[in-house]
Amino acid sequence: MTFDHGVLHGVLGPRLDHQLASAAPIALAICDSHGELLYFIRQPGVGLHSGVLAQNKGYTAARDRQATRDLGNWSRESGRALPYWSDPRFTGFAGGVPLWHEGAVLGAVGVSGLSEEEDHRLASELATSLGQHLISSGDLDRGIS
């Protein structure tokens, strides 16, 4: 499944505008179900490395099928470092959230530039908004392209 950039921008644009207006710029990455980058924006004023982190958060959430916050918590609690997965892109920083529909991960959202808690909250909100739009528009039934 692929996501149309016009749809992504239409759903995400108002929230991105809000982030800029509130002087809280972010980097945002939308990945497909394999963690491959589909959409990316790094807003003016956000750190350069936030762009890399947002992409890695989306990648990790899609590939590991869980929020990066949960992976980070598991890593700390189990004492296993993230290199355990043999994937240098995996991250345990909060802010990556998978987009689920009927038991399948369709993609993931990665957000960076705020606190970890705020990154996670915003990524969750964006994943929910994107999922609701895809369901209500019928794009899931048509297999978005």
N, C-alpha and C. Protein backbone atom coordinates (compact mmCIF):
# COMPACT_ATOMS: atom_id res chain seq x y z
N MET A 1 0.84 -1.18 0.00
CA MET A 1 0.00 0.00 0.00
C MET A 1 0.89 1.25 0.00
N THR A 2 0.51 2.23 -0.76
CA THR A 2 1.22 3.51 -0.78
C THR A 2 0.26 4.61 -0.37
N PHE A 3 0.80 5.73 0.06
CA PHE A 3 -0.01 6.88 0.47
C PHE A 3 0.19 8.01 -0.52
N ASP A 4 -0.88 8.62 -0.93
CA ASP A 4 -0.83 9.77 -1.83
C ASP A 4 -0.31 10.99 -1.06
N HIS A 5 0.69 11.67 -1.61
CA HIS A 5 1.27 12.83 -0.92
C HIS A 5 0.26 13.94 -0.70
N GLY A 6 -0.66 14.12 -1.65
CA GLY A 6 -1.69 15.14 -1.48
C GLY A 6 -2.57 14.85 -0.29
N VAL A 7 -2.91 13.58 -0.11
CA VAL A 7 -3.71 13.17 1.05
C VAL A 7 -2.93 13.40 2.33
N LEU A 8 -1.68 12.97 2.33
CA LEU A 8 -0.85 13.15 3.53
C LEU A 8 -0.73 14.62 3.89
N HIS A 9 -0.45 15.45 2.90
CA HIS A 9 -0.29 16.88 3.19
C HIS A 9 -1.61 17.49 3.65
N GLY A 10 -2.72 17.08 3.05
CA GLY A 10 -4.02 17.61 3.45
C GLY A 10 -4.36 17.27 4.89
N VAL A 11 -4.05 16.06 5.31
CA VAL A 11 -4.35 15.62 6.67
C VAL A 11 -3.36 16.22 7.67
N LEU A 12 -2.09 16.25 7.29
CA LEU A 12 -1.04 16.66 8.23
C LEU A 12 -0.77 18.16 8.22
N GLY A 13 -1.05 18.83 7.10
CA GLY A 13 -0.73 20.25 6.95
C GLY A 13 -1.24 21.15 8.06
N PRO A 14 -2.52 21.05 8.45
CA PRO A 14 -3.01 21.93 9.52
C PRO A 14 -2.24 21.76 10.82
N ARG A 15 -1.88 20.52 11.15
CA ARG A 15 -1.13 20.30 12.40
C ARG A 15 0.29 20.85 12.27
N LEU A 16 0.89 20.72 11.10
CA LEU A 16 2.23 21.28 10.89
C LEU A 16 2.19 22.79 11.00
N ASP A 17 1.16 23.41 10.44
CA ASP A 17 0.99 24.86 10.55
C ASP A 17 0.86 25.27 12.01
N HIS A 18 0.11 24.49 12.79
CA HIS A 18 -0.07 24.78 14.21
C HIS A 18 1.27 24.72 14.95
N GLN A 19 2.09 23.73 14.62
CA GLN A 19 3.40 23.60 15.28
C GLN A 19 4.26 24.83 15.02
N LEU A 20 4.27 25.29 13.78
CA LEU A 20 5.05 26.49 13.47
C LEU A 20 4.50 27.72 14.18
N ALA A 21 3.19 27.86 14.18
CA ALA A 21 2.56 29.02 14.80
C ALA A 21 2.80 29.05 16.30
N SER A 22 2.92 27.90 16.92
CA SER A 22 3.15 27.84 18.36
C SER A 22 4.64 27.80 18.72
N ALA A 23 5.49 28.10 17.76
CA ALA A 23 6.94 28.14 17.96
C ALA A 23 7.47 26.80 18.49
N ALA A 24 6.91 25.71 17.97
CA ALA A 24 7.34 24.37 18.36
C ALA A 24 7.54 23.54 17.09
N PRO A 25 8.53 23.91 16.27
CA PRO A 25 8.74 23.20 15.01
C PRO A 25 9.17 21.76 15.24
N ILE A 26 8.84 20.93 14.27
CA ILE A 26 9.15 19.50 14.37
C ILE A 26 9.72 18.98 13.05
N ALA A 27 10.25 17.79 13.13
CA ALA A 27 10.56 17.00 11.94
C ALA A 27 9.54 15.87 11.96
N LEU A 28 8.98 15.57 10.79
CA LEU A 28 7.93 14.56 10.67
C LEU A 28 8.27 13.60 9.53
N ALA A 29 8.18 12.32 9.82
CA ALA A 29 8.40 11.30 8.81
C ALA A 29 7.21 10.35 8.80
N ILE A 30 6.74 10.01 7.61
CA ILE A 30 5.72 8.99 7.43
C ILE A 30 6.38 7.87 6.64
N CYS A 31 6.30 6.66 7.18
CA CYS A 31 6.93 5.50 6.55
C CYS A 31 5.86 4.48 6.17
N ASP A 32 6.19 3.64 5.19
CA ASP A 32 5.29 2.55 4.83
C ASP A 32 5.43 1.42 5.84
N SER A 33 4.76 0.32 5.59
CA SER A 33 4.75 -0.79 6.55
C SER A 33 6.12 -1.46 6.72
N HIS A 34 7.04 -1.18 5.81
CA HIS A 34 8.40 -1.73 5.91
C HIS A 34 9.39 -0.72 6.50
N GLY A 35 8.91 0.48 6.82
CA GLY A 35 9.77 1.50 7.37
C GLY A 35 10.42 2.39 6.33
N GLU A 36 10.04 2.21 5.06
CA GLU A 36 10.61 3.03 4.00
C GLU A 36 9.93 4.41 3.99
N LEU A 37 10.71 5.44 3.81
CA LEU A 37 10.23 6.81 3.89
C LEU A 37 9.30 7.15 2.73
N LEU A 38 8.12 7.69 3.08
CA LEU A 38 7.15 8.12 2.08
C LEU A 38 6.98 9.64 2.06
N TYR A 39 7.11 10.26 3.22
CA TYR A 39 6.83 11.69 3.37
C TYR A 39 7.73 12.21 4.48
N PHE A 40 8.32 13.37 4.25
CA PHE A 40 9.22 13.93 5.26
C PHE A 40 9.20 15.45 5.18
N ILE A 41 9.20 16.06 6.35
CA ILE A 41 9.36 17.51 6.43
C ILE A 41 10.14 17.84 7.70
N ARG A 42 11.08 18.75 7.55
CA ARG A 42 11.80 19.28 8.71
C ARG A 42 11.51 20.78 8.71
N GLN A 43 10.73 21.20 9.68
CA GLN A 43 10.31 22.59 9.73
C GLN A 43 11.46 23.52 10.10
N PRO A 44 11.41 24.77 9.61
CA PRO A 44 12.44 25.74 9.97
C PRO A 44 12.53 25.91 11.48
N GLY A 45 13.74 25.89 11.98
CA GLY A 45 13.97 26.10 13.40
C GLY A 45 14.16 24.83 14.21
N VAL A 46 13.86 23.68 13.62
CA VAL A 46 14.09 22.42 14.33
C VAL A 46 15.52 21.96 14.03
N GLY A 47 16.14 21.31 14.99
CA GLY A 47 17.51 20.85 14.82
C GLY A 47 17.68 19.87 13.67
N LEU A 48 18.84 19.91 13.05
CA LEU A 48 19.12 19.02 11.92
C LEU A 48 18.98 17.55 12.31
N HIS A 49 19.48 17.20 13.48
CA HIS A 49 19.44 15.79 13.87
C HIS A 49 18.01 15.32 14.14
N SER A 50 17.09 16.24 14.41
CA SER A 50 15.70 15.85 14.59
C SER A 50 15.15 15.20 13.32
N GLY A 51 15.64 15.63 12.18
CA GLY A 51 15.21 15.01 10.92
C GLY A 51 15.61 13.55 10.84
N VAL A 52 16.83 13.26 11.23
CA VAL A 52 17.31 11.87 11.25
C VAL A 52 16.52 11.05 12.26
N LEU A 53 16.30 11.63 13.44
CA LEU A 53 15.57 10.91 14.48
C LEU A 53 14.13 10.62 14.07
N ALA A 54 13.45 11.59 13.46
CA ALA A 54 12.06 11.37 13.03
C ALA A 54 11.99 10.21 12.04
N GLN A 55 12.93 10.17 11.10
CA GLN A 55 12.93 9.09 10.12
C GLN A 55 13.20 7.74 10.79
N ASN A 56 14.15 7.72 11.72
CA ASN A 56 14.46 6.47 12.41
C ASN A 56 13.32 6.02 13.33
N LYS A 57 12.61 6.97 13.92
CA LYS A 57 11.46 6.62 14.76
C LYS A 57 10.36 5.98 13.92
N GLY A 58 10.06 6.57 12.77
CA GLY A 58 9.06 5.98 11.89
C GLY A 58 9.48 4.60 11.40
N TYR A 59 10.73 4.47 11.02
CA TYR A 59 11.30 3.21 10.55
C TYR A 59 11.17 2.13 11.63
N THR A 60 11.57 2.47 12.85
CA THR A 60 11.54 1.51 13.95
C THR A 60 10.12 1.09 14.27
N ALA A 61 9.19 2.06 14.36
CA ALA A 61 7.80 1.74 14.70
C ALA A 61 7.16 0.83 13.65
N ALA A 62 7.47 1.07 12.39
CA ALA A 62 6.91 0.23 11.33
C ALA A 62 7.52 -1.17 11.36
N ARG A 63 8.81 -1.26 11.46
CA ARG A 63 9.49 -2.56 11.41
C ARG A 63 9.25 -3.40 12.66
N ASP A 64 9.22 -2.75 13.83
CA ASP A 64 9.06 -3.49 15.08
C ASP A 64 7.60 -3.60 15.50
N ARG A 65 6.71 -2.93 14.77
CA ARG A 65 5.27 -3.02 15.01
C ARG A 65 4.87 -2.58 16.42
N GLN A 66 5.58 -1.60 16.95
CA GLN A 66 5.23 -1.05 18.25
C GLN A 66 5.78 0.37 18.35
N ALA A 67 5.26 1.11 19.31
CA ALA A 67 5.74 2.46 19.54
C ALA A 67 7.20 2.41 20.00
N THR A 68 7.99 3.35 19.53
CA THR A 68 9.40 3.38 19.91
C THR A 68 9.57 3.59 21.42
N ARG A 69 8.63 4.29 22.03
CA ARG A 69 8.66 4.48 23.48
C ARG A 69 8.64 3.13 24.18
N ASP A 70 7.79 2.21 23.69
CA ASP A 70 7.67 0.89 24.30
C ASP A 70 8.94 0.08 24.10
N LEU A 71 9.55 0.19 22.92
CA LEU A 71 10.81 -0.50 22.67
C LEU A 71 11.90 0.02 23.60
N GLY A 72 11.96 1.34 23.77
CA GLY A 72 12.95 1.93 24.68
C GLY A 72 12.75 1.47 26.11
N ASN A 73 11.49 1.42 26.54
CA ASN A 73 11.20 0.94 27.91
C ASN A 73 11.62 -0.52 28.06
N TRP A 74 11.32 -1.35 27.04
CA TRP A 74 11.71 -2.75 27.10
C TRP A 74 13.23 -2.89 27.17
N SER A 75 13.92 -2.10 26.38
CA SER A 75 15.38 -2.16 26.35
C SER A 75 15.97 -1.83 27.73
N ARG A 76 15.45 -0.77 28.35
CA ARG A 76 15.94 -0.39 29.67
C ARG A 76 15.60 -1.45 30.72
N GLU A 77 14.36 -1.96 30.68
CA GLU A 77 13.93 -2.94 31.69
C GLU A 77 14.63 -4.29 31.54
N SER A 78 14.90 -4.70 30.31
CA SER A 78 15.51 -6.01 30.08
C SER A 78 17.04 -5.96 30.15
N GLY A 79 17.60 -4.76 30.06
CA GLY A 79 19.04 -4.64 30.04
C GLY A 79 19.66 -4.95 28.68
N ARG A 80 18.81 -5.14 27.67
CA ARG A 80 19.30 -5.41 26.32
C ARG A 80 19.40 -4.09 25.57
N ALA A 81 20.56 -3.82 25.05
CA ALA A 81 20.77 -2.59 24.28
C ALA A 81 20.13 -2.75 22.90
N LEU A 82 19.82 -1.63 22.27
CA LEU A 82 19.16 -1.68 20.96
C LEU A 82 19.97 -2.37 19.87
N PRO A 83 21.31 -2.39 19.94
CA PRO A 83 22.05 -3.16 18.94
C PRO A 83 21.72 -4.66 18.95
N TYR A 84 20.98 -5.10 19.96
CA TYR A 84 20.50 -6.48 20.04
C TYR A 84 19.80 -6.89 18.74
N TRP A 85 19.14 -5.94 18.07
CA TRP A 85 18.40 -6.23 16.84
C TRP A 85 19.29 -6.21 15.60
N SER A 86 20.53 -5.83 15.74
CA SER A 86 21.46 -5.77 14.60
C SER A 86 21.00 -4.81 13.52
N ASP A 87 20.28 -3.77 13.92
CA ASP A 87 19.81 -2.75 12.97
C ASP A 87 20.16 -1.39 13.56
N PRO A 88 21.16 -0.73 13.00
CA PRO A 88 21.62 0.54 13.58
C PRO A 88 20.59 1.67 13.51
N ARG A 89 19.53 1.50 12.74
CA ARG A 89 18.51 2.55 12.65
C ARG A 89 17.47 2.46 13.76
N PHE A 90 17.40 1.34 14.46
CA PHE A 90 16.41 1.19 15.53
C PHE A 90 16.70 2.18 16.65
N THR A 91 15.64 2.78 17.17
CA THR A 91 15.77 3.73 18.26
C THR A 91 14.71 3.48 19.32
N GLY A 92 15.05 3.77 20.55
CA GLY A 92 14.12 3.65 21.66
C GLY A 92 13.63 5.00 22.14
N PHE A 93 13.98 6.07 21.42
CA PHE A 93 13.46 7.39 21.77
C PHE A 93 11.98 7.44 21.42
N ALA A 94 11.16 7.97 22.31
CA ALA A 94 9.73 8.08 22.07
C ALA A 94 9.46 9.03 20.90
N GLY A 95 8.40 8.73 20.14
CA GLY A 95 8.01 9.58 19.03
C GLY A 95 7.74 8.83 17.74
N GLY A 96 7.86 7.50 17.77
CA GLY A 96 7.51 6.68 16.61
C GLY A 96 6.30 5.83 16.95
N VAL A 97 5.26 5.88 16.10
CA VAL A 97 4.01 5.17 16.37
C VAL A 97 3.53 4.48 15.09
N PRO A 98 3.23 3.18 15.18
CA PRO A 98 2.72 2.50 13.99
C PRO A 98 1.25 2.87 13.73
N LEU A 99 0.85 2.79 12.49
CA LEU A 99 -0.53 3.02 12.06
C LEU A 99 -1.14 1.65 11.78
N TRP A 100 -2.04 1.21 12.66
CA TRP A 100 -2.66 -0.11 12.57
C TRP A 100 -4.04 -0.02 11.93
N HIS A 101 -4.40 -1.05 11.19
CA HIS A 101 -5.77 -1.21 10.69
C HIS A 101 -6.05 -2.69 10.53
N GLU A 102 -7.07 -3.16 11.24
CA GLU A 102 -7.49 -4.56 11.17
C GLU A 102 -6.33 -5.54 11.35
N GLY A 103 -5.52 -5.29 12.36
CA GLY A 103 -4.44 -6.20 12.71
C GLY A 103 -3.18 -6.10 11.88
N ALA A 104 -3.13 -5.13 10.98
CA ALA A 104 -1.94 -4.97 10.13
C ALA A 104 -1.39 -3.56 10.28
N VAL A 105 -0.07 -3.46 10.25
CA VAL A 105 0.57 -2.15 10.25
C VAL A 105 0.62 -1.63 8.82
N LEU A 106 -0.01 -0.49 8.60
CA LEU A 106 -0.02 0.13 7.27
C LEU A 106 1.17 1.05 7.06
N GLY A 107 1.71 1.54 8.15
CA GLY A 107 2.81 2.49 8.09
C GLY A 107 3.12 2.96 9.49
N ALA A 108 3.85 4.07 9.58
CA ALA A 108 4.19 4.61 10.89
C ALA A 108 4.48 6.10 10.76
N VAL A 109 4.33 6.77 11.89
CA VAL A 109 4.61 8.19 12.01
C VAL A 109 5.80 8.36 12.94
N GLY A 110 6.76 9.19 12.55
CA GLY A 110 7.88 9.54 13.40
C GLY A 110 7.93 11.04 13.59
N VAL A 111 8.01 11.49 14.84
CA VAL A 111 8.07 12.91 15.16
C VAL A 111 9.28 13.16 16.05
N SER A 112 9.98 14.25 15.80
CA SER A 112 11.11 14.64 16.63
C SER A 112 11.21 16.15 16.67
N GLY A 113 11.78 16.66 17.75
CA GLY A 113 11.99 18.10 17.89
C GLY A 113 11.45 18.66 19.18
N LEU A 114 10.58 17.90 19.85
CA LEU A 114 10.00 18.31 21.12
C LEU A 114 10.56 17.40 22.21
N SER A 115 9.95 17.39 23.38
CA SER A 115 10.36 16.41 24.39
C SER A 115 9.90 15.03 23.92
N GLU A 116 10.47 13.98 24.48
CA GLU A 116 10.06 12.64 24.07
C GLU A 116 8.56 12.43 24.29
N GLU A 117 8.05 12.88 25.41
CA GLU A 117 6.62 12.72 25.71
C GLU A 117 5.77 13.46 24.68
N GLU A 118 6.16 14.67 24.34
CA GLU A 118 5.42 15.45 23.35
C GLU A 118 5.55 14.84 21.95
N ASP A 119 6.73 14.34 21.62
CA ASP A 119 6.91 13.66 20.33
C ASP A 119 5.96 12.47 20.23
N HIS A 120 5.88 11.68 21.30
CA HIS A 120 5.01 10.49 21.29
C HIS A 120 3.55 10.90 21.18
N ARG A 121 3.14 11.88 21.96
CA ARG A 121 1.75 12.33 21.93
C ARG A 121 1.36 12.81 20.54
N LEU A 122 2.21 13.64 19.94
CA LEU A 122 1.91 14.18 18.63
C LEU A 122 1.92 13.09 17.55
N ALA A 123 2.87 12.18 17.61
CA ALA A 123 2.91 11.07 16.65
C ALA A 123 1.64 10.22 16.77
N SER A 124 1.18 9.98 17.99
CA SER A 124 -0.04 9.21 18.21
C SER A 124 -1.25 9.93 17.62
N GLU A 125 -1.32 11.24 17.86
CA GLU A 125 -2.43 12.04 17.32
C GLU A 125 -2.43 12.02 15.79
N LEU A 126 -1.25 12.17 15.21
CA LEU A 126 -1.16 12.19 13.75
C LEU A 126 -1.49 10.82 13.15
N ALA A 127 -1.04 9.76 13.79
CA ALA A 127 -1.36 8.41 13.30
C ALA A 127 -2.86 8.18 13.36
N THR A 128 -3.49 8.61 14.45
CA THR A 128 -4.94 8.47 14.58
C THR A 128 -5.66 9.28 13.52
N SER A 129 -5.26 10.53 13.33
CA SER A 129 -5.90 11.38 12.32
C SER A 129 -5.75 10.80 10.92
N LEU A 130 -4.56 10.33 10.62
CA LEU A 130 -4.31 9.75 9.31
C LEU A 130 -5.15 8.48 9.11
N GLY A 131 -5.20 7.63 10.12
CA GLY A 131 -6.00 6.42 10.04
C GLY A 131 -7.48 6.72 9.87
N GLN A 132 -7.99 7.68 10.64
CA GLN A 132 -9.41 8.04 10.53
C GLN A 132 -9.72 8.58 9.14
N HIS A 133 -8.82 9.39 8.60
CA HIS A 133 -9.04 9.93 7.26
C HIS A 133 -9.06 8.81 6.22
N LEU A 134 -8.12 7.90 6.31
CA LEU A 134 -8.05 6.82 5.34
C LEU A 134 -9.28 5.93 5.38
N ILE A 135 -9.79 5.69 6.58
CA ILE A 135 -10.99 4.85 6.73
C ILE A 135 -12.22 5.60 6.21
N SER A 136 -12.39 6.85 6.63
CA SER A 136 -13.60 7.60 6.26
C SER A 136 -13.64 7.94 4.77
N SER A 137 -12.47 8.10 4.17
CA SER A 137 -12.42 8.47 2.75
C SER A 137 -12.59 7.26 1.83
N GLY A 138 -12.46 6.07 2.39
CA GLY A 138 -12.54 4.86 1.57
C GLY A 138 -11.23 4.54 0.88
N ASP A 139 -10.18 5.31 1.16
CA ASP A 139 -8.89 5.06 0.52
C ASP A 139 -8.33 3.68 0.84
N LEU A 140 -8.64 3.16 2.04
CA LEU A 140 -8.15 1.83 2.40
C LEU A 140 -8.77 0.78 1.48
N ASP A 141 -10.05 0.96 1.17
CA ASP A 141 -10.74 0.01 0.30
C ASP A 141 -10.19 0.05 -1.13
N ARG A 142 -9.76 1.23 -1.57
CA ARG A 142 -9.25 1.38 -2.93
C ARG A 142 -7.75 1.05 -3.02
N GLY A 143 -7.09 0.89 -1.86
CA GLY A 143 -5.67 0.58 -1.87
C GLY A 143 -4.85 1.77 -2.31
N ILE A 144 -5.09 2.89 -1.73
CA ILE A 144 -4.42 4.17 -1.98
C ILE A 144 -3.21 4.05 -2.90
N SER A 145 -3.12 4.91 -3.86
CA SER A 145 -1.93 4.90 -4.73
C SER A 145 -1.54 6.31 -5.09
